[in-house]
Amino acid sequence: MIELLKLIGNVMGKRVEPRFVANPVGGYMMSQQADLSKIARELGYAPTISLKQGIAEIVSYRKTKPEPPASLSY
């Protein structure tokens, strides 16, 4: 999460300091690792853009449309 926060800050041109808070979700795993190997194996999926490029596209879009989305449920 710290690396992701740094990446978002770099894309936005801002220094963002993490703020550590107690996790309100019980039973949450303390360490997680994203792994695309199963989706690659099962569906042949491979990302076509980097995480940095994807974040840059989202930041650019949100700068032109700063209003919050109507729902965070997709």
N, C-alpha and C. Protein backbone atom coordinates (compact mmCIF):
# COMPACT_ATOMS: atom_id res chain seq x y z
N MET A 1 0.82 -1.19 0.00
CA MET A 1 0.00 0.00 0.00
C MET A 1 0.87 1.26 0.00
N ILE A 2 1.98 1.20 0.71
CA ILE A 2 2.86 2.37 0.73
C ILE A 2 3.43 2.63 -0.66
N GLU A 3 3.81 1.57 -1.36
CA GLU A 3 4.33 1.73 -2.72
C GLU A 3 3.27 2.29 -3.65
N LEU A 4 2.03 1.83 -3.49
CA LEU A 4 0.93 2.34 -4.31
C LEU A 4 0.68 3.82 -4.02
N LEU A 5 0.71 4.19 -2.75
CA LEU A 5 0.53 5.58 -2.37
C LEU A 5 1.62 6.45 -2.98
N LYS A 6 2.86 5.98 -2.96
CA LYS A 6 3.96 6.73 -3.57
C LYS A 6 3.76 6.88 -5.07
N LEU A 7 3.31 5.81 -5.72
CA LEU A 7 3.08 5.85 -7.16
C LEU A 7 1.99 6.86 -7.50
N ILE A 8 0.90 6.86 -6.76
CA ILE A 8 -0.18 7.81 -7.00
C ILE A 8 0.32 9.24 -6.77
N GLY A 9 1.07 9.45 -5.70
CA GLY A 9 1.64 10.76 -5.42
C GLY A 9 2.55 11.23 -6.54
N ASN A 10 3.40 10.34 -7.04
CA ASN A 10 4.30 10.70 -8.14
C ASN A 10 3.53 11.11 -9.38
N VAL A 11 2.49 10.35 -9.71
CA VAL A 11 1.69 10.66 -10.90
C VAL A 11 1.00 12.01 -10.73
N MET A 12 0.56 12.31 -9.50
CA MET A 12 -0.14 13.57 -9.24
C MET A 12 0.82 14.73 -8.99
N GLY A 13 2.12 14.41 -8.87
CA GLY A 13 3.10 15.45 -8.60
C GLY A 13 3.01 16.00 -7.19
N LYS A 14 2.60 15.14 -6.25
CA LYS A 14 2.45 15.54 -4.85
C LYS A 14 3.11 14.52 -3.95
N ARG A 15 3.57 14.99 -2.82
CA ARG A 15 4.11 14.08 -1.81
C ARG A 15 2.97 13.77 -0.84
N VAL A 16 2.63 12.51 -0.75
CA VAL A 16 1.54 12.09 0.10
C VAL A 16 2.11 11.21 1.21
N GLU A 17 1.92 11.64 2.44
CA GLU A 17 2.42 10.88 3.58
C GLU A 17 1.35 9.88 4.03
N PRO A 18 1.73 8.63 4.23
CA PRO A 18 0.74 7.66 4.71
C PRO A 18 0.32 7.98 6.14
N ARG A 19 -0.91 7.65 6.44
CA ARG A 19 -1.43 7.79 7.80
C ARG A 19 -1.90 6.40 8.21
N PHE A 20 -1.30 5.88 9.22
CA PHE A 20 -1.60 4.52 9.67
C PHE A 20 -2.71 4.57 10.71
N VAL A 21 -3.76 3.80 10.46
CA VAL A 21 -4.90 3.74 11.37
C VAL A 21 -5.21 2.27 11.67
N ALA A 22 -5.90 2.04 12.77
CA ALA A 22 -6.31 0.67 13.09
C ALA A 22 -7.29 0.17 12.04
N ASN A 23 -7.16 -1.07 11.66
CA ASN A 23 -8.03 -1.65 10.65
C ASN A 23 -9.39 -1.99 11.27
N PRO A 24 -10.47 -1.39 10.75
CA PRO A 24 -11.79 -1.64 11.33
C PRO A 24 -12.40 -2.97 10.87
N VAL A 25 -11.79 -3.64 9.92
CA VAL A 25 -12.33 -4.88 9.39
C VAL A 25 -11.69 -6.07 10.11
N GLY A 26 -12.48 -6.81 10.85
CA GLY A 26 -11.95 -7.98 11.56
C GLY A 26 -11.60 -9.11 10.60
N GLY A 27 -10.58 -9.86 10.92
CA GLY A 27 -10.20 -11.00 10.10
C GLY A 27 -9.47 -10.64 8.82
N TYR A 28 -9.07 -9.40 8.71
CA TYR A 28 -8.37 -8.94 7.50
C TYR A 28 -6.96 -9.53 7.46
N MET A 29 -6.54 -9.97 6.30
CA MET A 29 -5.19 -10.52 6.16
C MET A 29 -4.16 -9.41 6.27
N MET A 30 -3.11 -9.63 7.03
CA MET A 30 -2.09 -8.61 7.22
C MET A 30 -1.18 -8.44 6.01
N SER A 31 -1.03 -9.48 5.21
CA SER A 31 -0.23 -9.34 4.00
C SER A 31 -0.96 -10.00 2.84
N GLN A 32 -0.99 -9.31 1.75
CA GLN A 32 -1.65 -9.82 0.56
C GLN A 32 -0.71 -9.59 -0.62
N GLN A 33 -0.78 -10.46 -1.57
CA GLN A 33 0.01 -10.31 -2.77
C GLN A 33 -0.88 -10.55 -3.97
N ALA A 34 -0.99 -9.55 -4.82
CA ALA A 34 -1.77 -9.71 -6.04
C ALA A 34 -1.00 -10.63 -6.98
N ASP A 35 -1.73 -11.50 -7.64
CA ASP A 35 -1.09 -12.47 -8.53
C ASP A 35 -2.00 -12.70 -9.72
N LEU A 36 -1.50 -12.43 -10.91
CA LEU A 36 -2.29 -12.59 -12.13
C LEU A 36 -2.07 -13.94 -12.80
N SER A 37 -1.31 -14.82 -12.17
CA SER A 37 -0.96 -16.08 -12.85
C SER A 37 -2.19 -16.95 -13.14
N LYS A 38 -3.17 -16.99 -12.24
CA LYS A 38 -4.34 -17.84 -12.48
C LYS A 38 -5.18 -17.31 -13.63
N ILE A 39 -5.43 -16.00 -13.66
CA ILE A 39 -6.24 -15.45 -14.75
C ILE A 39 -5.48 -15.57 -16.09
N ALA A 40 -4.17 -15.47 -16.03
CA ALA A 40 -3.37 -15.66 -17.25
C ALA A 40 -3.49 -17.10 -17.72
N ARG A 41 -3.37 -18.03 -16.79
CA ARG A 41 -3.44 -19.45 -17.13
C ARG A 41 -4.85 -19.85 -17.61
N GLU A 42 -5.88 -19.42 -16.88
CA GLU A 42 -7.25 -19.84 -17.19
C GLU A 42 -7.87 -19.12 -18.38
N LEU A 43 -7.58 -17.83 -18.50
CA LEU A 43 -8.25 -17.03 -19.54
C LEU A 43 -7.30 -16.43 -20.56
N GLY A 44 -6.01 -16.60 -20.35
CA GLY A 44 -5.04 -16.02 -21.27
C GLY A 44 -4.92 -14.52 -21.15
N TYR A 45 -5.34 -13.98 -20.01
CA TYR A 45 -5.30 -12.53 -19.81
C TYR A 45 -3.88 -12.05 -19.53
N ALA A 46 -3.54 -10.93 -20.13
CA ALA A 46 -2.29 -10.24 -19.82
C ALA A 46 -2.58 -8.75 -19.87
N PRO A 47 -2.16 -8.00 -18.85
CA PRO A 47 -2.41 -6.56 -18.86
C PRO A 47 -1.77 -5.89 -20.08
N THR A 48 -2.43 -4.86 -20.58
CA THR A 48 -1.89 -4.16 -21.75
C THR A 48 -1.28 -2.82 -21.39
N ILE A 49 -1.54 -2.33 -20.17
CA ILE A 49 -0.92 -1.09 -19.71
C ILE A 49 -0.35 -1.32 -18.31
N SER A 50 0.62 -0.51 -17.93
CA SER A 50 1.23 -0.65 -16.61
C SER A 50 0.32 -0.01 -15.56
N LEU A 51 0.56 -0.35 -14.31
CA LEU A 51 -0.18 0.25 -13.21
C LEU A 51 0.01 1.77 -13.22
N LYS A 52 1.24 2.22 -13.42
CA LYS A 52 1.53 3.66 -13.45
C LYS A 52 0.74 4.34 -14.56
N GLN A 53 0.70 3.75 -15.74
CA GLN A 53 -0.05 4.35 -16.86
C GLN A 53 -1.54 4.38 -16.55
N GLY A 54 -2.06 3.31 -15.95
CA GLY A 54 -3.49 3.26 -15.59
C GLY A 54 -3.84 4.34 -14.58
N ILE A 55 -2.99 4.50 -13.57
CA ILE A 55 -3.23 5.55 -12.57
C ILE A 55 -3.17 6.92 -13.22
N ALA A 56 -2.20 7.12 -14.12
CA ALA A 56 -2.07 8.41 -14.81
C ALA A 56 -3.34 8.71 -15.63
N GLU A 57 -3.91 7.70 -16.27
CA GLU A 57 -5.13 7.90 -17.05
C GLU A 57 -6.31 8.27 -16.14
N ILE A 58 -6.41 7.62 -14.98
CA ILE A 58 -7.49 7.93 -14.04
C ILE A 58 -7.33 9.34 -13.51
N VAL A 59 -6.12 9.72 -13.12
CA VAL A 59 -5.87 11.07 -12.61
C VAL A 59 -6.21 12.11 -13.67
N SER A 60 -5.78 11.87 -14.89
CA SER A 60 -6.07 12.81 -15.98
C SER A 60 -7.58 12.95 -16.19
N TYR A 61 -8.29 11.84 -16.19
CA TYR A 61 -9.74 11.86 -16.37
C TYR A 61 -10.42 12.60 -15.23
N ARG A 62 -10.00 12.32 -13.99
CA ARG A 62 -10.64 12.95 -12.83
C ARG A 62 -10.36 14.45 -12.79
N LYS A 63 -9.25 14.90 -13.37
CA LYS A 63 -8.98 16.34 -13.43
C LYS A 63 -9.99 17.03 -14.34
N THR A 64 -10.47 16.35 -15.37
CA THR A 64 -11.46 16.93 -16.28
C THR A 64 -12.88 16.74 -15.75
N LYS A 65 -13.08 15.75 -14.88
CA LYS A 65 -14.39 15.47 -14.30
C LYS A 65 -14.22 15.29 -12.79
N PRO A 66 -14.07 16.40 -12.06
CA PRO A 66 -13.75 16.31 -10.63
C PRO A 66 -14.91 15.87 -9.73
N GLU A 67 -16.13 15.84 -10.24
CA GLU A 67 -17.25 15.45 -9.39
C GLU A 67 -17.12 13.97 -9.01
N PRO A 68 -17.52 13.63 -7.80
CA PRO A 68 -17.42 12.22 -7.39
C PRO A 68 -18.38 11.36 -8.18
N PRO A 69 -18.05 10.08 -8.37
CA PRO A 69 -18.97 9.19 -9.07
C PRO A 69 -20.28 9.06 -8.29
N ALA A 70 -21.37 8.79 -8.99
CA ALA A 70 -22.69 8.65 -8.34
C ALA A 70 -22.69 7.48 -7.38
N SER A 71 -21.91 6.44 -7.71
CA SER A 71 -21.87 5.26 -6.85
C SER A 71 -20.51 4.62 -6.96
N LEU A 72 -20.06 4.05 -5.88
CA LEU A 72 -18.80 3.30 -5.92
C LEU A 72 -19.07 1.82 -6.13
N SER A 73 -20.34 1.48 -6.33
CA SER A 73 -20.71 0.09 -6.61
C SER A 73 -20.70 -0.12 -8.10
N TYR A 74 -19.88 -1.02 -8.55
CA TYR A 74 -19.81 -1.26 -10.00
C TYR A 74 -20.47 -2.53 -10.27
